[in-house]
Amino acid sequence: MEQEPGGWASLPRDVAWEVFRRLRQVDILRGAGLACASWRRVAADEPALWRSIDVAFDKDDDRSTIDERLAMGRAALDRSAGRCESFRGPADRHLLVYLADRAPSLRSLHVTSPWCLPDAYIDGVITKLPMLEELVLTGGLLLTSTLRALLKHCPRLKMLDAGDCNIDQDVSYRLWRKCGLDHPSSVLPALLIMELYDLGLRHDIKHQLRPLHPESLTDAYWQAKDMERSAPPKTL
């Protein structure tokens, strides 16, 4: 027997919370959380629902609604009341600034839209994410200034997945080396693997980067790299 609408509105708060916990957050923001006053209160006043935010597109979603998803990301961050620890979804530079201001405890960031963070926005984003442990990028442009900011301001970062990002210039292996030498706790160890496997730093970063402890690299390796860089060009 179908329950009357009034019955749904009178569900105990803990039951409504369990219902919402099983729904996609996109569906809560788009409709379920607006069904009635009691459901609106649960959707808006339970920060635990928004500790892990996911507003990414599913395969069947209309991807032309990117602005709607960006707005959903903002709304979800507002509802998290500063407790968001994980964010997955499209994010432009403005939403990234908004996220950094409202999620100081963020540990995981998965940007599903092309990444591009100009230098002018680094202070408003990277420097405000000291708890970040995981950064996953789907594509876009990864600036060396961003890498340096991650190294300086995100001491807990354990994994960087650069997806299909392009890099803005040839990155010296010394930057990757610095990741290990400056931080014995293996800050950004994943970056070193790009140099070791010759993934083409001047072009595309197309492989998921996995942790590699710099302590496993011998002095002989670095000496060989120094000699390789300083050697005169070969003549044919």
C-alpha atoms as a PDB file:
ATOM      1  CA  MET A   1       0.000   0.000   0.000  1.00  0.00           C
ATOM      2  CA  GLU A   2       1.440   3.351  -1.010  1.00  0.00           C
ATOM      3  CA  GLN A   3       2.158   5.707   1.856  1.00  0.00           C
ATOM      4  CA  GLU A   4       0.594   9.139   1.814  1.00  0.00           C
ATOM      5  CA  PRO A   5       2.932  12.106   1.213  1.00  0.00           C
ATOM      6  CA  GLY A   6       2.252  13.316   4.736  1.00  0.00           C
ATOM      7  CA  GLY A   7       3.650  10.044   6.041  1.00  0.00           C
ATOM      8  CA  TRP A   8       6.981  10.579   4.286  1.00  0.00           C
ATOM      9  CA  ALA A   9       7.201  14.069   5.748  1.00  0.00           C
ATOM     10  CA  SER A  10       6.695  12.706   9.252  1.00  0.00           C
ATOM     11  CA  LEU A  11       9.481  10.132   9.080  1.00  0.00           C
ATOM     12  CA  PRO A  12      11.749  10.245  12.138  1.00  0.00           C
ATOM     13  CA  ARG A  13      14.849  12.302  11.513  1.00  0.00           C
ATOM     14  CA  ASP A  14      17.202   9.339  11.897  1.00  0.00           C
ATOM     15  CA  VAL A  15      15.211   7.327   9.357  1.00  0.00           C
ATOM     16  CA  ALA A  16      15.209  10.208   6.867  1.00  0.00           C
ATOM     17  CA  TRP A  17      18.966  10.536   7.410  1.00  0.00           C
ATOM     18  CA  GLU A  18      19.444   6.860   6.507  1.00  0.00           C
ATOM     19  CA  VAL A  19      17.348   7.343   3.372  1.00  0.00           C
ATOM     20  CA  PHE A  20      19.418  10.326   2.300  1.00  0.00           C
ATOM     21  CA  ARG A  21      22.669   8.526   3.053  1.00  0.00           C
ATOM     22  CA  ARG A  22      21.780   5.976   0.380  1.00  0.00           C
ATOM     23  CA  LEU A  23      20.903   8.537  -2.294  1.00  0.00           C
ATOM     24  CA  ARG A  24      23.270  10.231  -4.712  1.00  0.00           C
ATOM     25  CA  GLN A  25      24.080  13.673  -3.403  1.00  0.00           C
ATOM     26  CA  VAL A  26      23.193  15.079  -6.808  1.00  0.00           C
ATOM     27  CA  ASP A  27      19.664  13.707  -6.351  1.00  0.00           C
ATOM     28  CA  ILE A  28      19.412  15.195  -2.862  1.00  0.00           C
ATOM     29  CA  LEU A  29      20.435  18.620  -4.114  1.00  0.00           C
ATOM     30  CA  ARG A  30      18.242  18.412  -7.181  1.00  0.00           C
ATOM     31  CA  GLY A  31      15.007  17.142  -5.669  1.00  0.00           C
ATOM     32  CA  ALA A  32      14.848  14.797  -2.691  1.00  0.00           C
ATOM     33  CA  GLY A  33      16.109  17.425  -0.282  1.00  0.00           C
ATOM     34  CA  LEU A  34      13.402  19.825  -1.433  1.00  0.00           C
ATOM     35  CA  ALA A  35      10.416  17.492  -1.060  1.00  0.00           C
ATOM     36  CA  CYS A  36       9.124  18.933   2.210  1.00  0.00           C
ATOM     37  CA  ALA A  37      10.210  21.106   5.116  1.00  0.00           C
ATOM     38  CA  SER A  38      11.373  18.216   7.300  1.00  0.00           C
ATOM     39  CA  TRP A  39      13.448  16.711   4.485  1.00  0.00           C
ATOM     40  CA  ARG A  40      14.929  20.120   3.677  1.00  0.00           C
ATOM     41  CA  ARG A  41      16.049  20.412   7.286  1.00  0.00           C
ATOM     42  CA  VAL A  42      17.736  17.011   7.193  1.00  0.00           C
ATOM     43  CA  ALA A  43      19.448  17.787   3.880  1.00  0.00           C
ATOM     44  CA  ALA A  44      20.653  21.193   5.031  1.00  0.00           C
ATOM     45  CA  ASP A  45      21.365  20.670   8.727  1.00  0.00           C
ATOM     46  CA  GLU A  46      23.252  17.357   8.797  1.00  0.00           C
ATOM     47  CA  PRO A  47      26.928  18.123   7.992  1.00  0.00           C
ATOM     48  CA  ALA A  48      27.758  14.419   8.271  1.00  0.00           C
ATOM     49  CA  LEU A  49      25.861  13.857   5.017  1.00  0.00           C
ATOM     50  CA  TRP A  50      28.360  16.100   3.255  1.00  0.00           C
ATOM     51  CA  ARG A  51      31.637  14.998   4.791  1.00  0.00           C
ATOM     52  CA  SER A  52      32.382  13.173   1.544  1.00  0.00           C
ATOM     53  CA  ILE A  53      31.030  15.150  -1.422  1.00  0.00           C
ATOM     54  CA  ASP A  54      30.502  13.592  -4.850  1.00  0.00           C
ATOM     55  CA  VAL A  55      28.829  15.673  -7.551  1.00  0.00           C
ATOM     56  CA  ALA A  56      30.627  14.063 -10.495  1.00  0.00           C
ATOM     57  CA  PHE A  57      28.786  13.113 -13.661  1.00  0.00           C
ATOM     58  CA  ASP A  58      27.671   9.523 -14.102  1.00  0.00           C
ATOM     59  CA  LYS A  59      27.924   7.998 -17.567  1.00  0.00           C
ATOM     60  CA  ASP A  60      24.240   8.655 -18.298  1.00  0.00           C
ATOM     61  CA  ASP A  61      24.169  12.245 -17.021  1.00  0.00           C
ATOM     62  CA  ASP A  62      23.773  15.247 -19.306  1.00  0.00           C
ATOM     63  CA  ARG A  63      27.237  16.788 -19.278  1.00  0.00           C
ATOM     64  CA  SER A  64      25.966  20.068 -20.690  1.00  0.00           C
ATOM     65  CA  THR A  65      24.823  20.989 -17.189  1.00  0.00           C
ATOM     66  CA  ILE A  66      28.343  21.763 -15.917  1.00  0.00           C
ATOM     67  CA  ASP A  67      27.243  25.071 -14.361  1.00  0.00           C
ATOM     68  CA  GLU A  68      24.566  23.223 -12.409  1.00  0.00           C
ATOM     69  CA  ARG A  69      27.173  20.810 -11.035  1.00  0.00           C
ATOM     70  CA  LEU A  70      29.455  23.667 -10.026  1.00  0.00           C
ATOM     71  CA  ALA A  71      26.531  25.229  -8.158  1.00  0.00           C
ATOM     72  CA  MET A  72      25.816  21.881  -6.507  1.00  0.00           C
ATOM     73  CA  GLY A  73      29.416  21.696  -5.373  1.00  0.00           C
ATOM     74  CA  ARG A  74      29.077  25.079  -3.681  1.00  0.00           C
ATOM     75  CA  ALA A  75      25.793  24.110  -2.037  1.00  0.00           C
ATOM     76  CA  ALA A  76      27.256  20.840  -0.768  1.00  0.00           C
ATOM     77  CA  LEU A  77      30.274  22.650   0.682  1.00  0.00           C
ATOM     78  CA  ASP A  78      27.974  25.092   2.473  1.00  0.00           C
ATOM     79  CA  ARG A  79      26.059  22.198   4.007  1.00  0.00           C
ATOM     80  CA  SER A  80      29.232  20.458   5.131  1.00  0.00           C
ATOM     81  CA  ALA A  81      29.819  23.271   7.652  1.00  0.00           C
ATOM     82  CA  GLY A  82      33.580  23.041   7.252  1.00  0.00           C
ATOM     83  CA  ARG A  83      33.718  19.260   7.770  1.00  0.00           C
ATOM     84  CA  CYS A  84      34.247  18.136   4.180  1.00  0.00           C
ATOM     85  CA  GLU A  85      37.171  15.690   3.922  1.00  0.00           C
ATOM     86  CA  SER A  86      36.680  14.439   0.362  1.00  0.00           C
ATOM     87  CA  PHE A  87      35.477  16.171  -2.802  1.00  0.00           C
ATOM     88  CA  ARG A  88      34.874  14.612  -6.217  1.00  0.00           C
ATOM     89  CA  GLY A  89      33.378  16.463  -9.143  1.00  0.00           C
ATOM     90  CA  PRO A  90      33.942  19.210 -11.710  1.00  0.00           C
ATOM     91  CA  ALA A  91      35.669  22.297 -10.350  1.00  0.00           C
ATOM     92  CA  ASP A  92      36.821  25.494 -11.999  1.00  0.00           C
ATOM     93  CA  ARG A  93      39.291  27.889 -10.380  1.00  0.00           C
ATOM     94  CA  HIS A  94      36.515  29.773  -8.588  1.00  0.00           C
ATOM     95  CA  LEU A  95      35.035  26.636  -7.035  1.00  0.00           C
ATOM     96  CA  LEU A  96      38.526  25.520  -5.988  1.00  0.00           C
ATOM     97  CA  VAL A  97      38.968  28.781  -4.073  1.00  0.00           C
ATOM     98  CA  TYR A  98      35.525  28.320  -2.527  1.00  0.00           C
ATOM     99  CA  LEU A  99      36.394  24.750  -1.565  1.00  0.00           C
ATOM    100  CA  ALA A 100      39.723  25.708   0.008  1.00  0.00           C
ATOM    101  CA  ASP A 101      38.005  28.341   2.150  1.00  0.00           C
ATOM    102  CA  ARG A 102      35.281  25.981   3.352  1.00  0.00           C
ATOM    103  CA  ALA A 103      37.082  22.646   3.645  1.00  0.00           C
ATOM    104  CA  PRO A 104      40.233  23.171   5.750  1.00  0.00           C
ATOM    105  CA  SER A 105      40.283  19.455   6.625  1.00  0.00           C
ATOM    106  CA  LEU A 106      40.130  18.258   3.011  1.00  0.00           C
ATOM    107  CA  ARG A 107      42.129  15.050   2.533  1.00  0.00           C
ATOM    108  CA  SER A 108      41.096  13.905  -0.929  1.00  0.00           C
ATOM    109  CA  LEU A 109      40.409  16.010  -4.035  1.00  0.00           C
ATOM    110  CA  HIS A 110      39.349  14.419  -7.328  1.00  0.00           C
ATOM    111  CA  VAL A 111      38.711  17.002 -10.044  1.00  0.00           C
ATOM    112  CA  THR A 112      36.726  15.442 -12.885  1.00  0.00           C
ATOM    113  CA  SER A 113      36.873  18.459 -15.204  1.00  0.00           C
ATOM    114  CA  PRO A 114      40.003  19.815 -16.946  1.00  0.00           C
ATOM    115  CA  TRP A 115      42.397  21.231 -14.363  1.00  0.00           C
ATOM    116  CA  CYS A 116      43.857  24.701 -14.773  1.00  0.00           C
ATOM    117  CA  LEU A 117      44.986  26.689 -11.747  1.00  0.00           C
ATOM    118  CA  PRO A 118      46.720  29.954 -12.721  1.00  0.00           C
ATOM    119  CA  ASP A 119      49.521  31.260 -10.514  1.00  0.00           C
ATOM    120  CA  ALA A 120      47.252  34.011  -9.197  1.00  0.00           C
ATOM    121  CA  TYR A 121      44.996  31.386  -7.603  1.00  0.00           C
ATOM    122  CA  ILE A 122      47.644  29.228  -5.927  1.00  0.00           C
ATOM    123  CA  ASP A 123      47.623  31.191  -2.663  1.00  0.00           C
ATOM    124  CA  GLY A 124      43.851  30.932  -2.549  1.00  0.00           C
ATOM    125  CA  VAL A 125      43.818  27.165  -3.050  1.00  0.00           C
ATOM    126  CA  ILE A 126      46.981  25.114  -2.487  1.00  0.00           C
ATOM    127  CA  THR A 127      48.220  27.037   0.553  1.00  0.00           C
ATOM    128  CA  LYS A 128      44.893  26.417   2.310  1.00  0.00           C
ATOM    129  CA  LEU A 129      44.930  22.618   1.968  1.00  0.00           C
ATOM    130  CA  PRO A 130      47.595  21.457   4.455  1.00  0.00           C
ATOM    131  CA  MET A 131      45.726  18.207   5.181  1.00  0.00           C
ATOM    132  CA  LEU A 132      45.536  17.093   1.530  1.00  0.00           C
ATOM    133  CA  GLU A 133      46.688  13.489   1.056  1.00  0.00           C
ATOM    134  CA  GLU A 134      45.380  12.617  -2.402  1.00  0.00           C
ATOM    135  CA  LEU A 135      45.015  14.688  -5.569  1.00  0.00           C
ATOM    136  CA  VAL A 136      43.476  13.139  -8.686  1.00  0.00           C
ATOM    137  CA  LEU A 137      43.260  15.134 -11.911  1.00  0.00           C
ATOM    138  CA  THR A 138      41.357  14.049 -15.002  1.00  0.00           C
ATOM    139  CA  GLY A 139      43.120  16.300 -17.498  1.00  0.00           C
ATOM    140  CA  GLY A 140      44.044  19.875 -18.260  1.00  0.00           C
ATOM    141  CA  LEU A 141      47.232  21.860 -17.658  1.00  0.00           C
ATOM    142  CA  LEU A 142      49.484  21.172 -14.682  1.00  0.00           C
ATOM    143  CA  LEU A 143      51.828  24.091 -13.990  1.00  0.00           C
ATOM    144  CA  THR A 144      55.214  23.592 -12.384  1.00  0.00           C
ATOM    145  CA  SER A 145      54.284  26.389  -9.991  1.00  0.00           C
ATOM    146  CA  THR A 146      51.427  24.193  -8.786  1.00  0.00           C
ATOM    147  CA  LEU A 147      53.813  21.291  -8.209  1.00  0.00           C
ATOM    148  CA  ARG A 148      56.111  23.520  -6.192  1.00  0.00           C
ATOM    149  CA  ALA A 149      53.189  24.813  -4.135  1.00  0.00           C
ATOM    150  CA  LEU A 150      52.048  21.256  -3.416  1.00  0.00           C
ATOM    151  CA  LEU A 151      55.544  20.400  -2.248  1.00  0.00           C
ATOM    152  CA  LYS A 152      55.713  23.424   0.021  1.00  0.00           C
ATOM    153  CA  HIS A 153      52.224  23.556   1.473  1.00  0.00           C
ATOM    154  CA  CYS A 154      50.861  19.978   1.419  1.00  0.00           C
ATOM    155  CA  PRO A 155      53.233  17.938   3.617  1.00  0.00           C
ATOM    156  CA  ARG A 156      50.765  15.037   3.905  1.00  0.00           C
ATOM    157  CA  LEU A 157      50.294  14.478   0.179  1.00  0.00           C
ATOM    158  CA  LYS A 158      50.894  10.797  -0.589  1.00  0.00           C
ATOM    159  CA  MET A 159      49.492  10.336  -4.079  1.00  0.00           C
ATOM    160  CA  LEU A 160      49.228  12.474  -7.194  1.00  0.00           C
ATOM    161  CA  ASP A 161      47.384  11.038 -10.184  1.00  0.00           C
ATOM    162  CA  ALA A 162      47.956  13.494 -13.030  1.00  0.00           C
ATOM    163  CA  GLY A 163      45.659  11.689 -15.460  1.00  0.00           C
ATOM    164  CA  ASP A 164      46.073  13.106 -18.977  1.00  0.00           C
ATOM    165  CA  CYS A 165      47.356  16.491 -17.830  1.00  0.00           C
ATOM    166  CA  ASN A 166      49.791  18.420 -19.985  1.00  0.00           C
ATOM    167  CA  ILE A 167      52.744  20.043 -18.265  1.00  0.00           C
ATOM    168  CA  ASP A 168      53.615  23.651 -19.018  1.00  0.00           C
ATOM    169  CA  GLN A 169      57.368  23.227 -19.498  1.00  0.00           C
ATOM    170  CA  ASP A 170      60.270  20.833 -19.200  1.00  0.00           C
ATOM    171  CA  VAL A 171      60.562  20.093 -15.494  1.00  0.00           C
ATOM    172  CA  SER A 172      64.044  19.611 -14.103  1.00  0.00           C
ATOM    173  CA  TYR A 173      64.615  16.299 -12.408  1.00  0.00           C
ATOM    174  CA  ARG A 174      65.974  18.373  -9.532  1.00  0.00           C
ATOM    175  CA  LEU A 175      62.393  19.299  -8.683  1.00  0.00           C
ATOM    176  CA  TRP A 176      61.508  15.637  -8.322  1.00  0.00           C
ATOM    177  CA  ARG A 177      64.701  15.052  -6.375  1.00  0.00           C
ATOM    178  CA  LYS A 178      63.817  17.899  -4.059  1.00  0.00           C
ATOM    179  CA  CYS A 179      60.622  16.109  -3.138  1.00  0.00           C
ATOM    180  CA  GLY A 180      62.678  13.427  -1.454  1.00  0.00           C
ATOM    181  CA  LEU A 181      65.641  15.362  -0.157  1.00  0.00           C
ATOM    182  CA  ASP A 182      63.718  18.179   1.453  1.00  0.00           C
ATOM    183  CA  HIS A 183      61.160  15.925   3.095  1.00  0.00           C
ATOM    184  CA  PRO A 184      62.468  12.682   4.633  1.00  0.00           C
ATOM    185  CA  SER A 185      58.845  11.669   5.236  1.00  0.00           C
ATOM    186  CA  SER A 186      58.541  11.064   1.480  1.00  0.00           C
ATOM    187  CA  VAL A 187      56.455  14.077   0.581  1.00  0.00           C
ATOM    188  CA  LEU A 188      55.229  13.761  -2.992  1.00  0.00           C
ATOM    189  CA  PRO A 189      57.179  10.540  -3.615  1.00  0.00           C
ATOM    190  CA  ALA A 190      54.907   9.792  -6.565  1.00  0.00           C
ATOM    191  CA  LEU A 191      56.448  12.617  -8.578  1.00  0.00           C
ATOM    192  CA  LEU A 192      59.792  10.849  -8.769  1.00  0.00           C
ATOM    193  CA  ILE A 193      58.411   8.005 -10.815  1.00  0.00           C
ATOM    194  CA  MET A 194      57.923  10.301 -13.806  1.00  0.00           C
ATOM    195  CA  GLU A 195      61.668  10.807 -14.061  1.00  0.00           C
ATOM    196  CA  LEU A 196      62.533   7.154 -13.550  1.00  0.00           C
ATOM    197  CA  TYR A 197      60.186   5.806 -16.186  1.00  0.00           C
ATOM    198  CA  ASP A 198      60.854   8.525 -18.769  1.00  0.00           C
ATOM    199  CA  LEU A 199      57.223   9.441 -19.194  1.00  0.00           C
ATOM    200  CA  GLY A 200      58.079  12.541 -21.218  1.00  0.00           C
ATOM    201  CA  LEU A 201      58.025  15.517 -18.900  1.00  0.00           C
ATOM    202  CA  ARG A 202      57.945  17.892 -21.865  1.00  0.00           C
ATOM    203  CA  HIS A 203      54.744  16.409 -23.173  1.00  0.00           C
ATOM    204  CA  ASP A 204      51.959  14.492 -21.496  1.00  0.00           C
ATOM    205  CA  ILE A 205      51.743  12.819 -18.128  1.00  0.00           C
ATOM    206  CA  LYS A 206      49.593   9.842 -19.029  1.00  0.00           C
ATOM    207  CA  HIS A 207      50.181   7.376 -16.234  1.00  0.00           C
ATOM    208  CA  GLN A 208      48.817   7.086 -12.755  1.00  0.00           C
ATOM    209  CA  LEU A 209      51.636   7.946 -10.413  1.00  0.00           C
ATOM    210  CA  ARG A 210      52.213   5.574  -7.540  1.00  0.00           C
ATOM    211  CA  PRO A 211      54.260   6.099  -4.377  1.00  0.00           C
ATOM    212  CA  LEU A 212      57.980   5.521  -4.606  1.00  0.00           C
ATOM    213  CA  HIS A 213      60.246   6.049  -1.622  1.00  0.00           C
ATOM    214  CA  PRO A 214      63.180   8.297  -2.520  1.00  0.00           C
ATOM    215  CA  GLU A 215      65.286   6.424   0.032  1.00  0.00           C
ATOM    216  CA  SER A 216      65.359   3.529  -2.446  1.00  0.00           C
ATOM    217  CA  LEU A 217      67.278   5.656  -4.954  1.00  0.00           C
ATOM    218  CA  THR A 218      71.035   5.383  -4.559  1.00  0.00           C
ATOM    219  CA  ASP A 219      73.552   8.204  -4.709  1.00  0.00           C
ATOM    220  CA  ALA A 220      74.907   6.546  -7.843  1.00  0.00           C
ATOM    221  CA  TYR A 221      71.577   7.156  -9.570  1.00  0.00           C
ATOM    222  CA  TRP A 222      71.674  10.872  -8.839  1.00  0.00           C
ATOM    223  CA  GLN A 223      75.354  11.120  -9.801  1.00  0.00           C
ATOM    224  CA  ALA A 224      74.555   9.451 -13.108  1.00  0.00           C
ATOM    225  CA  LYS A 225      71.747  11.932 -13.723  1.00  0.00           C
ATOM    226  CA  ASP A 226      74.110  14.829 -12.940  1.00  0.00           C
ATOM    227  CA  MET A 227      76.643  13.513 -15.455  1.00  0.00           C
ATOM    228  CA  GLU A 228      73.927  12.954 -18.050  1.00  0.00           C
ATOM    229  CA  ARG A 229      72.661  16.516 -17.733  1.00  0.00           C
ATOM    230  CA  SER A 230      76.112  18.108 -17.835  1.00  0.00           C
ATOM    231  CA  ALA A 231      77.539  15.993 -20.666  1.00  0.00           C
ATOM    232  CA  PRO A 232      78.261  17.832 -23.955  1.00  0.00           C
ATOM    233  CA  PRO A 233      75.925  17.049 -26.864  1.00  0.00           C
ATOM    234  CA  LYS A 234      76.889  14.095 -28.970  1.00  0.00           C
ATOM    235  CA  THR A 235      78.143  14.743 -32.497  1.00  0.00           C
ATOM    236  CA  LEU A 236      77.021  12.605 -35.390  1.00  0.00           C
END
